[in-house]
Amino acid sequence: MSDEIRIWWRDDDAGRDNEKFTGLLELATRARRPLGLAVVPAWLEPAVTSKVAAADNVDVLQHGWNHADHAPAGSKKIELGGMLATDACSRRLQRGRTILERAFGDRFLSVLVPPWNRIDGHCLATLERLGFAGVSTFADDGRGVAHGLRQVNTHVDVIDWHRGRRMKPLTELQAELERQLANPALGTVGLLSHHLDMTPGDMAALEQLFHYVDSIDSCRWASPRQLFAPS
């Protein structure tokens, strides 16, 4: 393991006010962990704006426009690409960025989180011109750097999408985290949650994972604001 590795937390698919969203913010407040909240602009409800404003340690990231799938038949889901033309992609991202800037003010970071962690190259190439400073996807995708963007990804997804869309066992998540921490190329490791697919028990397990992170001397929590700040 390296001398120090920054750990950060991103939660996707926010925008609608419900009990699961409330539970997410309660966890962030109780655990005192900085949260990167990926908000779908077209889903945004006023109550979500108010609750984020009242919460501590929450930075807002842009989660595409409306989380719609534009993939050709038989391909993996993608909103930002696929059969969506570049101009249409740009217009939707611009509209979404304006909505989030107005709603969240300085809580909003000009960072794009593509739905399903996928974005085609022709859309990625427009982001800097649209005013985005950063992008966050998953694992070792680093294509944003070549387009003038700061890229900080997540690496450990707490949901098992292939076995019932359920929370992975804590021991499995700990093992995944340890594998990532052992990668000498990584100075930052991201945890990814999806509150809409989590139960209160899952949130409690996630808090246990946070405590496990705290037990590792080399780990230091970092906020999205810190990670996406200009070098």
C-alpha atoms as a PDB file:
ATOM      1  CA  MET A   1       0.000   0.000   0.000  1.00  0.00           C
ATOM      2  CA  SER A   2       1.107   3.566  -0.585  1.00  0.00           C
ATOM      3  CA  ASP A   3       1.888   5.871   2.346  1.00  0.00           C
ATOM      4  CA  GLU A   4      -1.475   7.623   2.094  1.00  0.00           C
ATOM      5  CA  ILE A   5      -4.555   6.928  -0.008  1.00  0.00           C
ATOM      6  CA  ARG A   6      -7.512   9.275  -0.219  1.00  0.00           C
ATOM      7  CA  ILE A   7     -10.955   7.705   0.129  1.00  0.00           C
ATOM      8  CA  TRP A   8     -14.081   9.369  -1.199  1.00  0.00           C
ATOM      9  CA  TRP A   9     -17.777   8.530  -1.372  1.00  0.00           C
ATOM     10  CA  ARG A  10     -20.157   9.038  -4.308  1.00  0.00           C
ATOM     11  CA  ASP A  11     -23.858   8.184  -4.382  1.00  0.00           C
ATOM     12  CA  ASP A  12     -25.709   8.097  -7.719  1.00  0.00           C
ATOM     13  CA  ASP A  13     -29.281   8.609  -8.966  1.00  0.00           C
ATOM     14  CA  ALA A  14     -30.371  11.415  -6.637  1.00  0.00           C
ATOM     15  CA  GLY A  15     -33.010  14.013  -7.426  1.00  0.00           C
ATOM     16  CA  ARG A  16     -36.254  12.628  -6.025  1.00  0.00           C
ATOM     17  CA  ASP A  17     -37.310  13.076  -2.428  1.00  0.00           C
ATOM     18  CA  ASN A  18     -38.169   9.838  -0.660  1.00  0.00           C
ATOM     19  CA  GLU A  19     -37.357   7.887   2.487  1.00  0.00           C
ATOM     20  CA  LYS A  20     -34.251   6.358   0.938  1.00  0.00           C
ATOM     21  CA  PHE A  21     -32.849   9.780   0.087  1.00  0.00           C
ATOM     22  CA  THR A  22     -33.561  10.982   3.614  1.00  0.00           C
ATOM     23  CA  GLY A  23     -31.776   7.907   4.963  1.00  0.00           C
ATOM     24  CA  LEU A  24     -28.757   8.665   2.792  1.00  0.00           C
ATOM     25  CA  LEU A  25     -28.414  12.199   4.140  1.00  0.00           C
ATOM     26  CA  GLU A  26     -28.927  10.959   7.687  1.00  0.00           C
ATOM     27  CA  LEU A  27     -26.039   8.533   7.201  1.00  0.00           C
ATOM     28  CA  ALA A  28     -23.795  11.257   5.773  1.00  0.00           C
ATOM     29  CA  THR A  29     -24.599  13.497   8.745  1.00  0.00           C
ATOM     30  CA  ARG A  30     -24.307  10.799  11.404  1.00  0.00           C
ATOM     31  CA  ALA A  31     -21.091   9.324  10.003  1.00  0.00           C
ATOM     32  CA  ARG A  32     -19.621  12.760   9.222  1.00  0.00           C
ATOM     33  CA  ARG A  33     -18.360  11.577   5.851  1.00  0.00           C
ATOM     34  CA  PRO A  34     -18.157  13.940   2.857  1.00  0.00           C
ATOM     35  CA  LEU A  35     -20.595  12.894   0.141  1.00  0.00           C
ATOM     36  CA  GLY A  36     -20.519  13.472  -3.593  1.00  0.00           C
ATOM     37  CA  LEU A  37     -24.213  13.416  -4.528  1.00  0.00           C
ATOM     38  CA  ALA A  38     -24.775  12.714  -8.230  1.00  0.00           C
ATOM     39  CA  VAL A  39     -28.082  14.439  -9.057  1.00  0.00           C
ATOM     40  CA  VAL A  40     -30.163  13.808 -12.185  1.00  0.00           C
ATOM     41  CA  PRO A  41     -31.273  17.344 -13.188  1.00  0.00           C
ATOM     42  CA  ALA A  42     -34.568  16.289 -14.771  1.00  0.00           C
ATOM     43  CA  TRP A  43     -35.531  14.453 -11.581  1.00  0.00           C
ATOM     44  CA  LEU A  44     -34.787  17.305  -9.195  1.00  0.00           C
ATOM     45  CA  GLU A  45     -37.531  18.060  -6.682  1.00  0.00           C
ATOM     46  CA  PRO A  46     -37.599  21.193  -4.483  1.00  0.00           C
ATOM     47  CA  ALA A  47     -37.461  19.169  -1.267  1.00  0.00           C
ATOM     48  CA  VAL A  48     -34.155  17.642  -2.364  1.00  0.00           C
ATOM     49  CA  THR A  49     -32.680  21.100  -2.884  1.00  0.00           C
ATOM     50  CA  SER A  50     -33.798  22.150   0.595  1.00  0.00           C
ATOM     51  CA  LYS A  51     -32.493  19.017   2.294  1.00  0.00           C
ATOM     52  CA  VAL A  52     -29.090  19.289   0.633  1.00  0.00           C
ATOM     53  CA  ALA A  53     -28.840  22.942   1.665  1.00  0.00           C
ATOM     54  CA  ALA A  54     -29.459  21.919   5.286  1.00  0.00           C
ATOM     55  CA  ALA A  55     -26.955  19.047   5.240  1.00  0.00           C
ATOM     56  CA  ASP A  56     -23.265  19.229   6.008  1.00  0.00           C
ATOM     57  CA  ASN A  57     -20.463  17.871   3.819  1.00  0.00           C
ATOM     58  CA  VAL A  58     -22.534  17.321   0.667  1.00  0.00           C
ATOM     59  CA  ASP A  59     -21.218  18.365  -2.748  1.00  0.00           C
ATOM     60  CA  VAL A  60     -23.492  18.054  -5.779  1.00  0.00           C
ATOM     61  CA  LEU A  61     -22.313  16.523  -9.054  1.00  0.00           C
ATOM     62  CA  GLN A  62     -24.279  16.336 -12.315  1.00  0.00           C
ATOM     63  CA  HIS A  63     -25.645  12.902 -13.209  1.00  0.00           C
ATOM     64  CA  GLY A  64     -26.365  13.322 -16.929  1.00  0.00           C
ATOM     65  CA  TRP A  65     -29.709  14.892 -17.784  1.00  0.00           C
ATOM     66  CA  ASN A  66     -32.619  12.448 -17.304  1.00  0.00           C
ATOM     67  CA  HIS A  67     -30.981   9.005 -16.969  1.00  0.00           C
ATOM     68  CA  ALA A  68     -32.526   7.793 -20.238  1.00  0.00           C
ATOM     69  CA  ASP A  69     -31.014   4.979 -22.259  1.00  0.00           C
ATOM     70  CA  HIS A  70     -29.944   5.787 -25.838  1.00  0.00           C
ATOM     71  CA  ALA A  71     -28.066   2.588 -26.563  1.00  0.00           C
ATOM     72  CA  PRO A  72     -28.728   0.627 -29.754  1.00  0.00           C
ATOM     73  CA  ALA A  73     -30.581  -2.644 -29.279  1.00  0.00           C
ATOM     74  CA  GLY A  74     -28.388  -5.258 -27.686  1.00  0.00           C
ATOM     75  CA  SER A  75     -25.809  -2.798 -26.334  1.00  0.00           C
ATOM     76  CA  LYS A  76     -25.091  -1.762 -22.759  1.00  0.00           C
ATOM     77  CA  LYS A  77     -27.128   1.146 -21.438  1.00  0.00           C
ATOM     78  CA  ILE A  78     -25.805   4.627 -22.093  1.00  0.00           C
ATOM     79  CA  GLU A  79     -27.338   8.080 -21.869  1.00  0.00           C
ATOM     80  CA  LEU A  80     -24.458  10.219 -23.104  1.00  0.00           C
ATOM     81  CA  GLY A  81     -23.864   8.653 -26.494  1.00  0.00           C
ATOM     82  CA  GLY A  82     -25.271   5.691 -28.313  1.00  0.00           C
ATOM     83  CA  MET A  83     -27.993   6.937 -30.644  1.00  0.00           C
ATOM     84  CA  LEU A  84     -27.992  10.433 -29.097  1.00  0.00           C
ATOM     85  CA  ALA A  85     -26.299  12.967 -31.382  1.00  0.00           C
ATOM     86  CA  THR A  86     -23.498  15.152 -30.025  1.00  0.00           C
ATOM     87  CA  ASP A  87     -25.482  18.402 -30.324  1.00  0.00           C
ATOM     88  CA  ALA A  88     -28.446  16.909 -28.479  1.00  0.00           C
ATOM     89  CA  CYS A  89     -26.149  15.590 -25.774  1.00  0.00           C
ATOM     90  CA  SER A  90     -24.566  19.033 -25.339  1.00  0.00           C
ATOM     91  CA  ARG A  91     -27.912  20.823 -25.131  1.00  0.00           C
ATOM     92  CA  ARG A  92     -29.189  18.460 -22.448  1.00  0.00           C
ATOM     93  CA  LEU A  93     -26.026  18.696 -20.394  1.00  0.00           C
ATOM     94  CA  GLN A  94     -26.053  22.499 -20.611  1.00  0.00           C
ATOM     95  CA  ARG A  95     -29.678  22.624 -19.509  1.00  0.00           C
ATOM     96  CA  GLY A  96     -28.986  20.277 -16.624  1.00  0.00           C
ATOM     97  CA  ARG A  97     -25.935  22.233 -15.516  1.00  0.00           C
ATOM     98  CA  THR A  98     -27.965  25.454 -15.419  1.00  0.00           C
ATOM     99  CA  ILE A  99     -30.667  23.804 -13.293  1.00  0.00           C
ATOM    100  CA  LEU A 100     -28.173  22.465 -10.754  1.00  0.00           C
ATOM    101  CA  GLU A 101     -26.189  25.707 -10.548  1.00  0.00           C
ATOM    102  CA  ARG A 102     -29.353  27.659  -9.816  1.00  0.00           C
ATOM    103  CA  ALA A 103     -30.643  25.114  -7.312  1.00  0.00           C
ATOM    104  CA  PHE A 104     -27.477  24.436  -5.336  1.00  0.00           C
ATOM    105  CA  GLY A 105     -25.221  27.458  -5.820  1.00  0.00           C
ATOM    106  CA  ASP A 106     -21.707  26.826  -4.580  1.00  0.00           C
ATOM    107  CA  ARG A 107     -22.685  23.323  -3.435  1.00  0.00           C
ATOM    108  CA  PHE A 108     -22.631  22.367  -7.120  1.00  0.00           C
ATOM    109  CA  LEU A 109     -19.314  21.312  -8.610  1.00  0.00           C
ATOM    110  CA  SER A 110     -18.871  21.420 -12.385  1.00  0.00           C
ATOM    111  CA  VAL A 111     -18.280  17.658 -12.461  1.00  0.00           C
ATOM    112  CA  LEU A 112     -20.145  15.215 -14.678  1.00  0.00           C
ATOM    113  CA  VAL A 113     -21.046  11.703 -13.538  1.00  0.00           C
ATOM    114  CA  PRO A 114     -22.325   9.816 -16.609  1.00  0.00           C
ATOM    115  CA  PRO A 115     -25.265   7.492 -15.874  1.00  0.00           C
ATOM    116  CA  TRP A 116     -24.157   3.865 -15.862  1.00  0.00           C
ATOM    117  CA  ASN A 117     -20.593   5.298 -15.782  1.00  0.00           C
ATOM    118  CA  ARG A 118     -20.576   5.401 -19.591  1.00  0.00           C
ATOM    119  CA  ILE A 119     -19.995   8.268 -22.004  1.00  0.00           C
ATOM    120  CA  ASP A 120     -19.071   8.110 -25.682  1.00  0.00           C
ATOM    121  CA  GLY A 121     -15.924   9.879 -26.808  1.00  0.00           C
ATOM    122  CA  HIS A 122     -17.757  12.446 -28.942  1.00  0.00           C
ATOM    123  CA  CYS A 123     -19.756  13.608 -25.906  1.00  0.00           C
ATOM    124  CA  LEU A 124     -16.732  13.497 -23.615  1.00  0.00           C
ATOM    125  CA  ALA A 125     -14.830  15.776 -25.984  1.00  0.00           C
ATOM    126  CA  THR A 126     -17.429  18.561 -25.543  1.00  0.00           C
ATOM    127  CA  LEU A 127     -17.409  18.737 -21.740  1.00  0.00           C
ATOM    128  CA  GLU A 128     -14.648  21.287 -21.230  1.00  0.00           C
ATOM    129  CA  ARG A 129     -16.295  23.625 -23.756  1.00  0.00           C
ATOM    130  CA  LEU A 130     -19.587  23.244 -21.866  1.00  0.00           C
ATOM    131  CA  GLY A 131     -17.927  24.417 -18.670  1.00  0.00           C
ATOM    132  CA  PHE A 132     -17.240  21.133 -16.919  1.00  0.00           C
ATOM    133  CA  ALA A 133     -13.991  20.906 -14.994  1.00  0.00           C
ATOM    134  CA  GLY A 134     -14.150  17.225 -14.067  1.00  0.00           C
ATOM    135  CA  VAL A 135     -15.648  13.838 -14.765  1.00  0.00           C
ATOM    136  CA  SER A 136     -16.159  10.752 -12.619  1.00  0.00           C
ATOM    137  CA  THR A 137     -16.802   7.241 -13.910  1.00  0.00           C
ATOM    138  CA  PHE A 138     -15.649   3.835 -12.638  1.00  0.00           C
ATOM    139  CA  ALA A 139     -12.458   1.812 -12.293  1.00  0.00           C
ATOM    140  CA  ASP A 140      -9.587   2.642 -14.649  1.00  0.00           C
ATOM    141  CA  ASP A 141     -11.365   4.818 -17.242  1.00  0.00           C
ATOM    142  CA  GLY A 142      -9.116   7.882 -17.556  1.00  0.00           C
ATOM    143  CA  ARG A 143     -10.183   9.282 -20.925  1.00  0.00           C
ATOM    144  CA  GLY A 144     -11.272  12.629 -19.494  1.00  0.00           C
ATOM    145  CA  VAL A 145      -7.724  13.739 -18.771  1.00  0.00           C
ATOM    146  CA  ALA A 146      -6.922  13.945 -22.492  1.00  0.00           C
ATOM    147  CA  HIS A 147      -9.843  16.373 -22.849  1.00  0.00           C
ATOM    148  CA  GLY A 148      -8.630  18.789 -20.200  1.00  0.00           C
ATOM    149  CA  LEU A 149     -10.757  17.360 -17.372  1.00  0.00           C
ATOM    150  CA  ARG A 150      -9.837  16.292 -13.885  1.00  0.00           C
ATOM    151  CA  GLN A 151     -10.957  12.675 -13.578  1.00  0.00           C
ATOM    152  CA  VAL A 152     -11.554  11.042 -10.198  1.00  0.00           C
ATOM    153  CA  ASN A 153     -13.334   7.697 -10.357  1.00  0.00           C
ATOM    154  CA  THR A 154     -15.016   5.264  -8.009  1.00  0.00           C
ATOM    155  CA  HIS A 155     -13.698   1.720  -7.664  1.00  0.00           C
ATOM    156  CA  VAL A 156     -15.809  -0.232  -5.154  1.00  0.00           C
ATOM    157  CA  ASP A 157     -19.537  -0.460  -5.931  1.00  0.00           C
ATOM    158  CA  VAL A 158     -21.487  -1.622  -2.890  1.00  0.00           C
ATOM    159  CA  ILE A 159     -24.306  -3.066  -5.029  1.00  0.00           C
ATOM    160  CA  ASP A 160     -24.071  -6.457  -6.744  1.00  0.00           C
ATOM    161  CA  TRP A 161     -25.957  -5.786  -9.990  1.00  0.00           C
ATOM    162  CA  HIS A 162     -25.628  -9.351 -11.244  1.00  0.00           C
ATOM    163  CA  ARG A 163     -27.000 -11.124  -8.175  1.00  0.00           C
ATOM    164  CA  GLY A 164     -30.312  -9.489  -7.428  1.00  0.00           C
ATOM    165  CA  ARG A 165     -29.237  -5.819  -7.231  1.00  0.00           C
ATOM    166  CA  ARG A 166     -28.514  -6.284  -3.551  1.00  0.00           C
ATOM    167  CA  MET A 167     -25.863  -4.976  -1.208  1.00  0.00           C
ATOM    168  CA  LYS A 168     -22.678  -7.017  -1.244  1.00  0.00           C
ATOM    169  CA  PRO A 169     -21.690  -8.683   2.047  1.00  0.00           C
ATOM    170  CA  LEU A 170     -19.443  -6.540   4.206  1.00  0.00           C
ATOM    171  CA  THR A 171     -16.602  -9.076   4.047  1.00  0.00           C
ATOM    172  CA  GLU A 172     -16.719  -8.986   0.247  1.00  0.00           C
ATOM    173  CA  LEU A 173     -16.614  -5.181   0.222  1.00  0.00           C
ATOM    174  CA  GLN A 174     -13.689  -5.161   2.621  1.00  0.00           C
ATOM    175  CA  ALA A 175     -11.811  -7.556   0.350  1.00  0.00           C
ATOM    176  CA  GLU A 176     -12.568  -5.411  -2.722  1.00  0.00           C
ATOM    177  CA  LEU A 177     -11.342  -2.338  -0.905  1.00  0.00           C
ATOM    178  CA  GLU A 178      -8.134  -4.065   0.157  1.00  0.00           C
ATOM    179  CA  ARG A 179      -7.452  -5.089  -3.459  1.00  0.00           C
ATOM    180  CA  GLN A 180      -7.830  -1.489  -4.574  1.00  0.00           C
ATOM    181  CA  LEU A 181      -5.633  -0.186  -1.778  1.00  0.00           C
ATOM    182  CA  ALA A 182      -2.922  -2.621  -2.850  1.00  0.00           C
ATOM    183  CA  ASN A 183      -2.799  -1.073  -6.339  1.00  0.00           C
ATOM    184  CA  PRO A 184       0.320   1.132  -6.384  1.00  0.00           C
ATOM    185  CA  ALA A 185      -1.078   3.204  -9.250  1.00  0.00           C
ATOM    186  CA  LEU A 186      -3.990   4.491  -7.179  1.00  0.00           C
ATOM    187  CA  GLY A 187      -3.692   7.438  -4.833  1.00  0.00           C
ATOM    188  CA  THR A 188      -7.463   7.819  -4.561  1.00  0.00           C
ATOM    189  CA  VAL A 189     -10.119   5.120  -4.120  1.00  0.00           C
ATOM    190  CA  GLY A 190     -13.819   5.833  -4.489  1.00  0.00           C
ATOM    191  CA  LEU A 191     -16.735   4.056  -2.821  1.00  0.00           C
ATOM    192  CA  LEU A 192     -19.954   4.027  -4.870  1.00  0.00           C
ATOM    193  CA  SER A 193     -23.430   3.620  -3.391  1.00  0.00           C
ATOM    194  CA  HIS A 194     -26.925   3.782  -4.896  1.00  0.00           C
ATOM    195  CA  HIS A 195     -29.432   4.778  -2.220  1.00  0.00           C
ATOM    196  CA  LEU A 196     -32.447   3.832  -4.370  1.00  0.00           C
ATOM    197  CA  ASP A 197     -31.336   0.192  -4.292  1.00  0.00           C
ATOM    198  CA  MET A 198     -30.496   0.120  -0.576  1.00  0.00           C
ATOM    199  CA  THR A 199     -32.450  -0.745   2.544  1.00  0.00           C
ATOM    200  CA  PRO A 200     -31.962   0.797   6.011  1.00  0.00           C
ATOM    201  CA  GLY A 201     -29.978  -2.333   6.851  1.00  0.00           C
ATOM    202  CA  ASP A 202     -27.753  -1.705   3.836  1.00  0.00           C
ATOM    203  CA  MET A 203     -27.107   1.844   5.046  1.00  0.00           C
ATOM    204  CA  ALA A 204     -26.057   0.445   8.409  1.00  0.00           C
ATOM    205  CA  ALA A 205     -23.685  -1.960   6.657  1.00  0.00           C
ATOM    206  CA  LEU A 206     -22.242   0.929   4.636  1.00  0.00           C
ATOM    207  CA  GLU A 207     -21.572   2.771   7.879  1.00  0.00           C
ATOM    208  CA  GLN A 208     -19.701  -0.315   9.088  1.00  0.00           C
ATOM    209  CA  LEU A 209     -17.609  -0.164   5.915  1.00  0.00           C
ATOM    210  CA  PHE A 210     -16.782   3.454   6.734  1.00  0.00           C
ATOM    211  CA  HIS A 211     -15.549   2.361  10.162  1.00  0.00           C
ATOM    212  CA  TYR A 212     -13.434  -0.317   8.503  1.00  0.00           C
ATOM    213  CA  VAL A 213     -11.849   2.373   6.326  1.00  0.00           C
ATOM    214  CA  ASP A 214     -11.079   4.353   9.478  1.00  0.00           C
ATOM    215  CA  SER A 215      -9.179   1.364  10.880  1.00  0.00           C
ATOM    216  CA  ILE A 216      -6.675   1.462   7.987  1.00  0.00           C
ATOM    217  CA  ASP A 217      -3.816   3.811   8.827  1.00  0.00           C
ATOM    218  CA  SER A 218      -3.027   4.695   5.214  1.00  0.00           C
ATOM    219  CA  CYS A 219      -6.572   5.920   4.408  1.00  0.00           C
ATOM    220  CA  ARG A 220      -7.681   9.543   4.612  1.00  0.00           C
ATOM    221  CA  TRP A 221     -11.199  10.731   3.753  1.00  0.00           C
ATOM    222  CA  ALA A 222     -11.423  13.454   1.105  1.00  0.00           C
ATOM    223  CA  SER A 223     -14.342  15.517  -0.143  1.00  0.00           C
ATOM    224  CA  PRO A 224     -15.235  15.833  -3.842  1.00  0.00           C
ATOM    225  CA  ARG A 225     -14.483  19.551  -3.528  1.00  0.00           C
ATOM    226  CA  GLN A 226     -10.933  18.742  -2.516  1.00  0.00           C
ATOM    227  CA  LEU A 227     -10.436  16.075  -5.150  1.00  0.00           C
ATOM    228  CA  PHE A 228     -11.750  18.124  -8.059  1.00  0.00           C
ATOM    229  CA  ALA A 229     -10.037  21.367  -7.085  1.00  0.00           C
ATOM    230  CA  PRO A 230      -7.649  22.748  -9.719  1.00  0.00           C
ATOM    231  CA  SER A 231      -4.136  21.401  -9.342  1.00  0.00           C
END
